[in-house]
Amino acid sequence: MADVSIQPRGPFSLAAARDFAGGFPAGIGGGAVGAGSITLAFPVEGTDESAAIELWQDAGGVVRGRTDAPDGLLDPALRQAARCLSLDHDGSGWPAVGERDPIVGRLQREHEYLRPVCFYSAYEAVTSFVIGQRISRRQSAVIKRGLADRLGDRPTIAGVPVPAFPRPARLLELDAAPGLNAEKVRRLHALAQAALDGRLDTERLRAMPPADALAALRELPGVGPFTADAVLYRGCGVVDGIPASDELGQTVIRAITTLTHYDAGA
């Protein structure tokens, strides 16, 4: 078993991330939340293996963990886990925003400087959204757990197996599942093949101009504007952008911009 650590840049609360993930089981996918830790289990991109990592935070703020992932899988698995918790970004300038804006500052303190908790990859994000179309979040989580139990790898932590969502090659073996109609199964097969072809590589999508990445995602079956936005921002962990399909977010930004201009003029 290997011990791992991640040094957050800027304020970070694993407890806040754990509480968010616990309330969004369809988002965390494989894994679980505990009293003082969060367990992540996922297919490791660029490999034909999965990994499981248990993480907790020490008194000094360092995120520490343990995993049975072998040496060759350890680094990419840890990078993917960090990306899922937005620990791959430098948040050291975030508190200054709250110092300039008391409303933002109050929300930062109330939510312990919560960073976005993302899907493990673009592949897990897009399959999750397609599974979840026209059904409840709870139903989606049950279906994902069923697929993990049936077709997923069982990476271990201290010898204890933790089911992960099926790798793309295994998802292609799906013929039917409770809660999934034939059209969703067909779409999941197409998405699994797209992942194998490299079209859902998370880092590739992150490196593309957002408009190009969104256009590429919308070419996939079952992916409209809302799902494409969700995959890019919640699956790839892209920052400094607002989904165009988020009408409420766009309304809030316009209102803030109007008030800012008004105050500046006053």
C-alpha atoms as a PDB file:
ATOM      1  CA  MET A   1       0.000   0.000   0.000  1.00  0.00           C
ATOM      2  CA  ALA A   2       1.293   3.475  -0.878  1.00  0.00           C
ATOM      3  CA  ASP A   3       0.910   6.681   1.127  1.00  0.00           C
ATOM      4  CA  VAL A   4       0.195   9.807  -0.932  1.00  0.00           C
ATOM      5  CA  SER A   5      -0.154  13.517  -0.237  1.00  0.00           C
ATOM      6  CA  ILE A   6      -1.364  16.663  -1.994  1.00  0.00           C
ATOM      7  CA  GLN A   7      -0.402  20.144  -0.817  1.00  0.00           C
ATOM      8  CA  PRO A   8      -3.321  22.504  -1.598  1.00  0.00           C
ATOM      9  CA  ARG A   9      -2.391  25.875  -3.017  1.00  0.00           C
ATOM     10  CA  GLY A  10      -4.695  28.280  -1.223  1.00  0.00           C
ATOM     11  CA  PRO A  11      -7.460  27.435   1.251  1.00  0.00           C
ATOM     12  CA  PHE A  12      -9.077  24.035   0.886  1.00  0.00           C
ATOM     13  CA  SER A  13     -11.456  21.998   3.015  1.00  0.00           C
ATOM     14  CA  LEU A  14     -11.749  18.296   2.310  1.00  0.00           C
ATOM     15  CA  ALA A  15     -14.685  18.227   4.736  1.00  0.00           C
ATOM     16  CA  ALA A  16     -16.590  20.656   2.489  1.00  0.00           C
ATOM     17  CA  ALA A  17     -15.796  18.543  -0.576  1.00  0.00           C
ATOM     18  CA  ARG A  18     -16.804  15.388   1.299  1.00  0.00           C
ATOM     19  CA  ASP A  19     -20.147  16.893   2.316  1.00  0.00           C
ATOM     20  CA  PHE A  20     -20.848  18.015  -1.252  1.00  0.00           C
ATOM     21  CA  ALA A  21     -19.931  14.608  -2.679  1.00  0.00           C
ATOM     22  CA  GLY A  22     -22.106  12.870  -0.093  1.00  0.00           C
ATOM     23  CA  GLY A  23     -25.088  14.859  -1.288  1.00  0.00           C
ATOM     24  CA  PHE A  24     -24.353  14.169  -4.938  1.00  0.00           C
ATOM     25  CA  PRO A  25     -23.757  10.410  -5.249  1.00  0.00           C
ATOM     26  CA  ALA A  26     -24.233  10.417  -8.996  1.00  0.00           C
ATOM     27  CA  GLY A  27     -21.334  12.846  -9.213  1.00  0.00           C
ATOM     28  CA  ILE A  28     -18.838  11.029  -7.032  1.00  0.00           C
ATOM     29  CA  GLY A  29     -19.481   7.776  -8.892  1.00  0.00           C
ATOM     30  CA  GLY A  30     -17.349   4.947  -7.550  1.00  0.00           C
ATOM     31  CA  GLY A  31     -16.300   5.462  -3.947  1.00  0.00           C
ATOM     32  CA  ALA A  32     -17.876   6.653  -0.737  1.00  0.00           C
ATOM     33  CA  VAL A  33     -17.724   9.311   1.956  1.00  0.00           C
ATOM     34  CA  GLY A  34     -16.837   8.584   5.577  1.00  0.00           C
ATOM     35  CA  ALA A  35     -16.754  10.467   8.849  1.00  0.00           C
ATOM     36  CA  GLY A  36     -13.338  11.957   8.174  1.00  0.00           C
ATOM     37  CA  SER A  37     -12.371  10.869   4.685  1.00  0.00           C
ATOM     38  CA  ILE A  38     -13.493  10.486   1.104  1.00  0.00           C
ATOM     39  CA  THR A  39     -12.811   7.422  -1.033  1.00  0.00           C
ATOM     40  CA  LEU A  40     -12.464   7.803  -4.801  1.00  0.00           C
ATOM     41  CA  ALA A  41     -12.606   4.877  -7.243  1.00  0.00           C
ATOM     42  CA  PHE A  42     -12.376   5.369 -10.999  1.00  0.00           C
ATOM     43  CA  PRO A  43     -10.968   4.160 -14.320  1.00  0.00           C
ATOM     44  CA  VAL A  44      -7.584   5.807 -14.763  1.00  0.00           C
ATOM     45  CA  GLU A  45      -7.474   7.647 -18.079  1.00  0.00           C
ATOM     46  CA  GLY A  46      -4.920   6.452 -20.574  1.00  0.00           C
ATOM     47  CA  THR A  47      -4.763   2.991 -19.003  1.00  0.00           C
ATOM     48  CA  ASP A  48      -6.819  -0.188 -18.906  1.00  0.00           C
ATOM     49  CA  GLU A  49      -6.921  -0.186 -15.107  1.00  0.00           C
ATOM     50  CA  SER A  50      -8.829   1.469 -12.272  1.00  0.00           C
ATOM     51  CA  ALA A  51      -7.640   2.868  -8.955  1.00  0.00           C
ATOM     52  CA  ALA A  52      -9.089   3.569  -5.517  1.00  0.00           C
ATOM     53  CA  ILE A  53      -7.718   6.208  -3.153  1.00  0.00           C
ATOM     54  CA  GLU A  54      -8.838   7.163   0.347  1.00  0.00           C
ATOM     55  CA  LEU A  55      -8.100  10.794   1.261  1.00  0.00           C
ATOM     56  CA  TRP A  56      -8.225  12.797   4.492  1.00  0.00           C
ATOM     57  CA  GLN A  57      -6.821  16.166   5.605  1.00  0.00           C
ATOM     58  CA  ASP A  58      -4.371  16.647   8.442  1.00  0.00           C
ATOM     59  CA  ALA A  59      -4.281  19.503  10.949  1.00  0.00           C
ATOM     60  CA  GLY A  60      -1.818  21.416   8.757  1.00  0.00           C
ATOM     61  CA  GLY A  61      -4.142  21.352   5.752  1.00  0.00           C
ATOM     62  CA  VAL A  62      -2.224  18.744   3.738  1.00  0.00           C
ATOM     63  CA  VAL A  63      -4.438  16.187   1.985  1.00  0.00           C
ATOM     64  CA  ARG A  64      -3.078  12.726   2.706  1.00  0.00           C
ATOM     65  CA  GLY A  65      -4.176   9.324   1.518  1.00  0.00           C
ATOM     66  CA  ARG A  66      -3.527   5.681   0.889  1.00  0.00           C
ATOM     67  CA  THR A  67      -3.983   3.377  -2.079  1.00  0.00           C
ATOM     68  CA  ASP A  68      -3.006  -0.030  -3.383  1.00  0.00           C
ATOM     69  CA  ALA A  69      -2.424   1.386  -6.879  1.00  0.00           C
ATOM     70  CA  PRO A  70       0.864   0.012  -8.265  1.00  0.00           C
ATOM     71  CA  ASP A  71       3.796   2.309  -9.010  1.00  0.00           C
ATOM     72  CA  GLY A  72       3.022   2.705 -12.696  1.00  0.00           C
ATOM     73  CA  LEU A  73      -0.562   3.715 -11.958  1.00  0.00           C
ATOM     74  CA  LEU A  74       0.054   5.820  -8.865  1.00  0.00           C
ATOM     75  CA  ASP A  75       1.005   9.166 -10.423  1.00  0.00           C
ATOM     76  CA  PRO A  76      -1.786   9.361 -13.055  1.00  0.00           C
ATOM     77  CA  ALA A  77      -4.336   8.173 -10.478  1.00  0.00           C
ATOM     78  CA  LEU A  78      -3.258  10.823  -7.983  1.00  0.00           C
ATOM     79  CA  ARG A  79      -3.374  13.556 -10.650  1.00  0.00           C
ATOM     80  CA  GLN A  80      -6.889  12.471 -11.576  1.00  0.00           C
ATOM     81  CA  ALA A  81      -7.992  12.466  -7.925  1.00  0.00           C
ATOM     82  CA  ALA A  82      -6.558  15.963  -7.456  1.00  0.00           C
ATOM     83  CA  ARG A  83      -8.375  17.188 -10.570  1.00  0.00           C
ATOM     84  CA  CYS A  84     -11.646  15.750  -9.265  1.00  0.00           C
ATOM     85  CA  LEU A  85     -11.318  17.911  -6.129  1.00  0.00           C
ATOM     86  CA  SER A  86      -9.999  20.961  -8.041  1.00  0.00           C
ATOM     87  CA  LEU A  87      -6.680  20.614  -6.213  1.00  0.00           C
ATOM     88  CA  ASP A  88      -4.876  20.920  -9.547  1.00  0.00           C
ATOM     89  CA  HIS A  89      -5.639  24.654  -9.494  1.00  0.00           C
ATOM     90  CA  ASP A  90      -3.888  27.402  -7.552  1.00  0.00           C
ATOM     91  CA  GLY A  91      -6.513  28.956  -5.272  1.00  0.00           C
ATOM     92  CA  SER A  92      -4.170  31.229  -3.344  1.00  0.00           C
ATOM     93  CA  GLY A  93      -5.767  34.347  -4.856  1.00  0.00           C
ATOM     94  CA  TRP A  94      -9.329  33.307  -4.038  1.00  0.00           C
ATOM     95  CA  PRO A  95      -9.514  34.841  -0.508  1.00  0.00           C
ATOM     96  CA  ALA A  96      -8.647  38.270  -1.932  1.00  0.00           C
ATOM     97  CA  VAL A  97     -11.889  38.197  -3.926  1.00  0.00           C
ATOM     98  CA  GLY A  98     -13.827  37.858  -0.676  1.00  0.00           C
ATOM     99  CA  GLU A  99     -11.876  40.719   0.845  1.00  0.00           C
ATOM    100  CA  ARG A 100     -13.000  42.975  -2.004  1.00  0.00           C
ATOM    101  CA  ASP A 101     -16.598  41.745  -1.974  1.00  0.00           C
ATOM    102  CA  PRO A 102     -18.180  41.159   1.455  1.00  0.00           C
ATOM    103  CA  ILE A 103     -20.994  39.018   0.031  1.00  0.00           C
ATOM    104  CA  VAL A 104     -18.514  36.696  -1.650  1.00  0.00           C
ATOM    105  CA  GLY A 105     -16.422  36.703   1.513  1.00  0.00           C
ATOM    106  CA  ARG A 106     -19.387  35.654   3.650  1.00  0.00           C
ATOM    107  CA  LEU A 107     -20.216  32.811   1.279  1.00  0.00           C
ATOM    108  CA  GLN A 108     -16.585  31.715   1.210  1.00  0.00           C
ATOM    109  CA  ARG A 109     -16.520  31.422   4.985  1.00  0.00           C
ATOM    110  CA  GLU A 110     -19.911  29.709   5.195  1.00  0.00           C
ATOM    111  CA  HIS A 111     -18.849  27.052   2.683  1.00  0.00           C
ATOM    112  CA  GLU A 112     -15.222  26.737   3.825  1.00  0.00           C
ATOM    113  CA  TYR A 113     -13.882  27.974   0.490  1.00  0.00           C
ATOM    114  CA  LEU A 114     -15.521  25.028  -1.291  1.00  0.00           C
ATOM    115  CA  ARG A 115     -13.890  24.210  -4.598  1.00  0.00           C
ATOM    116  CA  PRO A 116     -15.801  22.487  -7.410  1.00  0.00           C
ATOM    117  CA  VAL A 117     -16.094  18.744  -6.916  1.00  0.00           C
ATOM    118  CA  CYS A 118     -15.873  17.318 -10.412  1.00  0.00           C
ATOM    119  CA  PHE A 119     -16.487  14.003 -12.076  1.00  0.00           C
ATOM    120  CA  TYR A 120     -13.430  11.780 -12.384  1.00  0.00           C
ATOM    121  CA  SER A 121     -13.161  12.383 -16.122  1.00  0.00           C
ATOM    122  CA  ALA A 122     -15.025  13.612 -19.169  1.00  0.00           C
ATOM    123  CA  TYR A 123     -15.946   9.963 -19.840  1.00  0.00           C
ATOM    124  CA  GLU A 124     -17.552   9.487 -16.425  1.00  0.00           C
ATOM    125  CA  ALA A 125     -19.275  12.851 -16.712  1.00  0.00           C
ATOM    126  CA  VAL A 126     -20.886  12.280 -20.093  1.00  0.00           C
ATOM    127  CA  THR A 127     -21.984   8.728 -19.287  1.00  0.00           C
ATOM    128  CA  SER A 128     -23.441   9.971 -15.994  1.00  0.00           C
ATOM    129  CA  PHE A 129     -25.455  12.692 -17.700  1.00  0.00           C
ATOM    130  CA  VAL A 130     -26.748  10.342 -20.387  1.00  0.00           C
ATOM    131  CA  ILE A 131     -27.735   7.796 -17.731  1.00  0.00           C
ATOM    132  CA  GLY A 132     -29.443  10.552 -15.750  1.00  0.00           C
ATOM    133  CA  GLN A 133     -31.534  11.997 -18.568  1.00  0.00           C
ATOM    134  CA  ARG A 134     -35.252  12.069 -17.622  1.00  0.00           C
ATOM    135  CA  ILE A 135     -34.748  10.225 -14.332  1.00  0.00           C
ATOM    136  CA  SER A 136     -33.981  11.360 -10.777  1.00  0.00           C
ATOM    137  CA  ARG A 137     -30.506  11.805  -9.336  1.00  0.00           C
ATOM    138  CA  ARG A 138     -31.158   8.927  -6.944  1.00  0.00           C
ATOM    139  CA  GLN A 139     -32.169   6.605  -9.783  1.00  0.00           C
ATOM    140  CA  SER A 140     -29.051   7.582 -11.700  1.00  0.00           C
ATOM    141  CA  ALA A 141     -26.851   6.761  -8.700  1.00  0.00           C
ATOM    142  CA  VAL A 142     -28.501   3.334  -8.325  1.00  0.00           C
ATOM    143  CA  ILE A 143     -27.911   2.547 -12.008  1.00  0.00           C
ATOM    144  CA  LYS A 144     -24.266   3.628 -11.798  1.00  0.00           C
ATOM    145  CA  ARG A 145     -23.686   1.474  -8.730  1.00  0.00           C
ATOM    146  CA  GLY A 146     -25.302  -1.467 -10.504  1.00  0.00           C
ATOM    147  CA  LEU A 147     -23.027  -1.031 -13.524  1.00  0.00           C
ATOM    148  CA  ALA A 148     -19.974  -0.773 -11.251  1.00  0.00           C
ATOM    149  CA  ASP A 149     -20.928  -3.970  -9.439  1.00  0.00           C
ATOM    150  CA  ARG A 150     -21.584  -5.809 -12.685  1.00  0.00           C
ATOM    151  CA  LEU A 151     -18.884  -4.555 -15.053  1.00  0.00           C
ATOM    152  CA  GLY A 152     -16.517  -2.354 -13.065  1.00  0.00           C
ATOM    153  CA  ASP A 153     -13.038  -3.112 -11.776  1.00  0.00           C
ATOM    154  CA  ARG A 154     -12.528  -3.585  -8.052  1.00  0.00           C
ATOM    155  CA  PRO A 155      -9.382  -1.677  -7.132  1.00  0.00           C
ATOM    156  CA  THR A 156      -8.392  -2.029  -3.489  1.00  0.00           C
ATOM    157  CA  ILE A 157      -7.333   0.028  -0.497  1.00  0.00           C
ATOM    158  CA  ALA A 158      -5.507  -2.027   2.129  1.00  0.00           C
ATOM    159  CA  GLY A 159      -6.859  -5.075   0.341  1.00  0.00           C
ATOM    160  CA  VAL A 160     -10.487  -3.951   0.533  1.00  0.00           C
ATOM    161  CA  PRO A 161     -12.136  -3.784  -2.921  1.00  0.00           C
ATOM    162  CA  VAL A 162     -13.976  -0.635  -4.017  1.00  0.00           C
ATOM    163  CA  PRO A 163     -16.096  -0.988  -7.195  1.00  0.00           C
ATOM    164  CA  ALA A 164     -15.419   1.597  -9.894  1.00  0.00           C
ATOM    165  CA  PHE A 165     -17.574   2.621 -12.856  1.00  0.00           C
ATOM    166  CA  PRO A 166     -16.820   0.369 -15.853  1.00  0.00           C
ATOM    167  CA  ARG A 167     -13.905   1.250 -18.068  1.00  0.00           C
ATOM    168  CA  PRO A 168     -14.960   2.029 -21.665  1.00  0.00           C
ATOM    169  CA  ALA A 169     -13.956  -1.421 -22.924  1.00  0.00           C
ATOM    170  CA  ARG A 170     -16.120  -3.069 -20.272  1.00  0.00           C
ATOM    171  CA  LEU A 171     -19.050  -0.709 -20.877  1.00  0.00           C
ATOM    172  CA  LEU A 172     -19.129  -1.944 -24.473  1.00  0.00           C
ATOM    173  CA  GLU A 173     -20.053  -5.356 -23.056  1.00  0.00           C
ATOM    174  CA  LEU A 174     -23.295  -3.990 -21.608  1.00  0.00           C
ATOM    175  CA  ASP A 175     -26.335  -5.524 -23.266  1.00  0.00           C
ATOM    176  CA  ALA A 176     -29.094  -4.405 -20.890  1.00  0.00           C
ATOM    177  CA  ALA A 177     -29.497  -3.112 -17.344  1.00  0.00           C
ATOM    178  CA  PRO A 178     -32.404  -2.246 -15.039  1.00  0.00           C
ATOM    179  CA  GLY A 179     -33.391   1.399 -15.525  1.00  0.00           C
ATOM    180  CA  LEU A 180     -31.712   1.750 -18.921  1.00  0.00           C
ATOM    181  CA  ASN A 181     -33.768   1.615 -22.106  1.00  0.00           C
ATOM    182  CA  ALA A 182     -32.329   0.390 -25.392  1.00  0.00           C
ATOM    183  CA  GLU A 183     -31.586   3.923 -26.638  1.00  0.00           C
ATOM    184  CA  LYS A 184     -29.529   4.775 -23.545  1.00  0.00           C
ATOM    185  CA  VAL A 185     -27.579   1.538 -23.898  1.00  0.00           C
ATOM    186  CA  ARG A 186     -26.861   2.417 -27.524  1.00  0.00           C
ATOM    187  CA  ARG A 187     -25.677   5.876 -26.523  1.00  0.00           C
ATOM    188  CA  LEU A 188     -23.474   4.473 -23.754  1.00  0.00           C
ATOM    189  CA  HIS A 189     -21.856   2.123 -26.263  1.00  0.00           C
ATOM    190  CA  ALA A 190     -21.134   5.060 -28.587  1.00  0.00           C
ATOM    191  CA  LEU A 191     -19.678   7.108 -25.719  1.00  0.00           C
ATOM    192  CA  ALA A 192     -17.492   4.195 -24.617  1.00  0.00           C
ATOM    193  CA  GLN A 193     -16.162   3.885 -28.158  1.00  0.00           C
ATOM    194  CA  ALA A 194     -15.556   7.639 -28.306  1.00  0.00           C
ATOM    195  CA  ALA A 195     -13.506   7.352 -25.110  1.00  0.00           C
ATOM    196  CA  LEU A 196     -11.453   4.499 -26.584  1.00  0.00           C
ATOM    197  CA  ASP A 197     -10.888   6.617 -29.699  1.00  0.00           C
ATOM    198  CA  GLY A 198      -9.537   9.501 -27.577  1.00  0.00           C
ATOM    199  CA  ARG A 199     -12.439  11.846 -28.227  1.00  0.00           C
ATOM    200  CA  LEU A 200     -13.217  12.103 -24.493  1.00  0.00           C
ATOM    201  CA  ASP A 201      -9.667  12.575 -23.254  1.00  0.00           C
ATOM    202  CA  THR A 202     -10.103  15.054 -20.396  1.00  0.00           C
ATOM    203  CA  GLU A 203      -6.796  16.884 -20.743  1.00  0.00           C
ATOM    204  CA  ARG A 204      -7.253  17.189 -24.501  1.00  0.00           C
ATOM    205  CA  LEU A 205     -10.664  18.791 -24.023  1.00  0.00           C
ATOM    206  CA  ARG A 206      -9.293  21.120 -21.326  1.00  0.00           C
ATOM    207  CA  ALA A 207      -6.545  22.307 -23.665  1.00  0.00           C
ATOM    208  CA  MET A 208      -8.955  23.171 -26.487  1.00  0.00           C
ATOM    209  CA  PRO A 209     -10.648  26.556 -26.825  1.00  0.00           C
ATOM    210  CA  PRO A 210     -13.988  26.171 -24.998  1.00  0.00           C
ATOM    211  CA  ALA A 211     -16.035  26.725 -28.152  1.00  0.00           C
ATOM    212  CA  ASP A 212     -14.138  23.955 -29.958  1.00  0.00           C
ATOM    213  CA  ALA A 213     -14.399  21.561 -27.012  1.00  0.00           C
ATOM    214  CA  LEU A 214     -18.139  22.162 -26.706  1.00  0.00           C
ATOM    215  CA  ALA A 215     -18.633  21.640 -30.431  1.00  0.00           C
ATOM    216  CA  ALA A 216     -16.716  18.355 -30.266  1.00  0.00           C
ATOM    217  CA  LEU A 217     -18.798  17.174 -27.328  1.00  0.00           C
ATOM    218  CA  ARG A 218     -22.069  18.056 -29.048  1.00  0.00           C
ATOM    219  CA  GLU A 219     -21.144  15.666 -31.858  1.00  0.00           C
ATOM    220  CA  LEU A 220     -21.574  12.750 -29.447  1.00  0.00           C
ATOM    221  CA  PRO A 221     -24.928  10.934 -29.171  1.00  0.00           C
ATOM    222  CA  GLY A 222     -27.189  12.168 -26.398  1.00  0.00           C
ATOM    223  CA  VAL A 223     -25.120  15.324 -25.872  1.00  0.00           C
ATOM    224  CA  GLY A 224     -26.924  18.623 -26.303  1.00  0.00           C
ATOM    225  CA  PRO A 225     -25.844  22.113 -25.178  1.00  0.00           C
ATOM    226  CA  PHE A 226     -26.621  21.515 -21.473  1.00  0.00           C
ATOM    227  CA  THR A 227     -24.777  18.195 -21.286  1.00  0.00           C
ATOM    228  CA  ALA A 228     -21.812  19.540 -23.266  1.00  0.00           C
ATOM    229  CA  ASP A 229     -21.495  22.455 -20.841  1.00  0.00           C
ATOM    230  CA  ALA A 230     -21.748  20.112 -17.859  1.00  0.00           C
ATOM    231  CA  VAL A 231     -19.092  17.756 -19.207  1.00  0.00           C
ATOM    232  CA  LEU A 232     -16.651  20.573 -19.942  1.00  0.00           C
ATOM    233  CA  TYR A 233     -17.049  22.414 -16.647  1.00  0.00           C
ATOM    234  CA  ARG A 234     -17.884  19.561 -14.240  1.00  0.00           C
ATOM    235  CA  GLY A 235     -16.182  16.706 -16.053  1.00  0.00           C
ATOM    236  CA  CYS A 236     -13.002  18.421 -17.216  1.00  0.00           C
ATOM    237  CA  GLY A 237     -12.733  20.938 -14.387  1.00  0.00           C
ATOM    238  CA  VAL A 238     -12.399  23.974 -16.664  1.00  0.00           C
ATOM    239  CA  VAL A 239     -12.325  27.207 -14.679  1.00  0.00           C
ATOM    240  CA  ASP A 240     -13.034  30.869 -15.439  1.00  0.00           C
ATOM    241  CA  GLY A 241     -16.106  30.165 -17.512  1.00  0.00           C
ATOM    242  CA  ILE A 242     -19.858  30.146 -17.138  1.00  0.00           C
ATOM    243  CA  PRO A 243     -21.936  27.551 -19.022  1.00  0.00           C
ATOM    244  CA  ALA A 244     -23.955  29.281 -21.720  1.00  0.00           C
ATOM    245  CA  SER A 245     -26.871  26.926 -21.007  1.00  0.00           C
ATOM    246  CA  ASP A 246     -27.001  28.087 -17.366  1.00  0.00           C
ATOM    247  CA  GLU A 247     -29.665  30.756 -17.742  1.00  0.00           C
ATOM    248  CA  LEU A 248     -29.752  31.547 -14.020  1.00  0.00           C
ATOM    249  CA  GLY A 249     -25.985  32.028 -13.900  1.00  0.00           C
ATOM    250  CA  GLN A 250     -26.092  34.295 -16.940  1.00  0.00           C
ATOM    251  CA  THR A 251     -28.879  36.350 -15.338  1.00  0.00           C
ATOM    252  CA  VAL A 252     -26.893  36.754 -12.113  1.00  0.00           C
ATOM    253  CA  ILE A 253     -23.786  37.854 -14.011  1.00  0.00           C
ATOM    254  CA  ARG A 254     -25.765  40.444 -15.975  1.00  0.00           C
ATOM    255  CA  ALA A 255     -27.284  41.763 -12.751  1.00  0.00           C
ATOM    256  CA  ILE A 256     -23.887  42.004 -11.040  1.00  0.00           C
ATOM    257  CA  THR A 257     -22.377  43.701 -14.078  1.00  0.00           C
ATOM    258  CA  THR A 258     -25.216  46.225 -14.154  1.00  0.00           C
ATOM    259  CA  LEU A 259     -24.824  46.996 -10.440  1.00  0.00           C
ATOM    260  CA  THR A 260     -21.053  47.309 -10.798  1.00  0.00           C
ATOM    261  CA  HIS A 261     -21.410  49.791 -13.650  1.00  0.00           C
ATOM    262  CA  TYR A 262     -24.050  51.705 -11.681  1.00  0.00           C
ATOM    263  CA  ASP A 263     -21.832  51.924  -8.601  1.00  0.00           C
ATOM    264  CA  ALA A 264     -18.845  52.963 -10.677  1.00  0.00           C
ATOM    265  CA  GLY A 265     -20.898  55.729 -12.284  1.00  0.00           C
ATOM    266  CA  ALA A 266     -22.208  56.890  -8.957  1.00  0.00           C
END
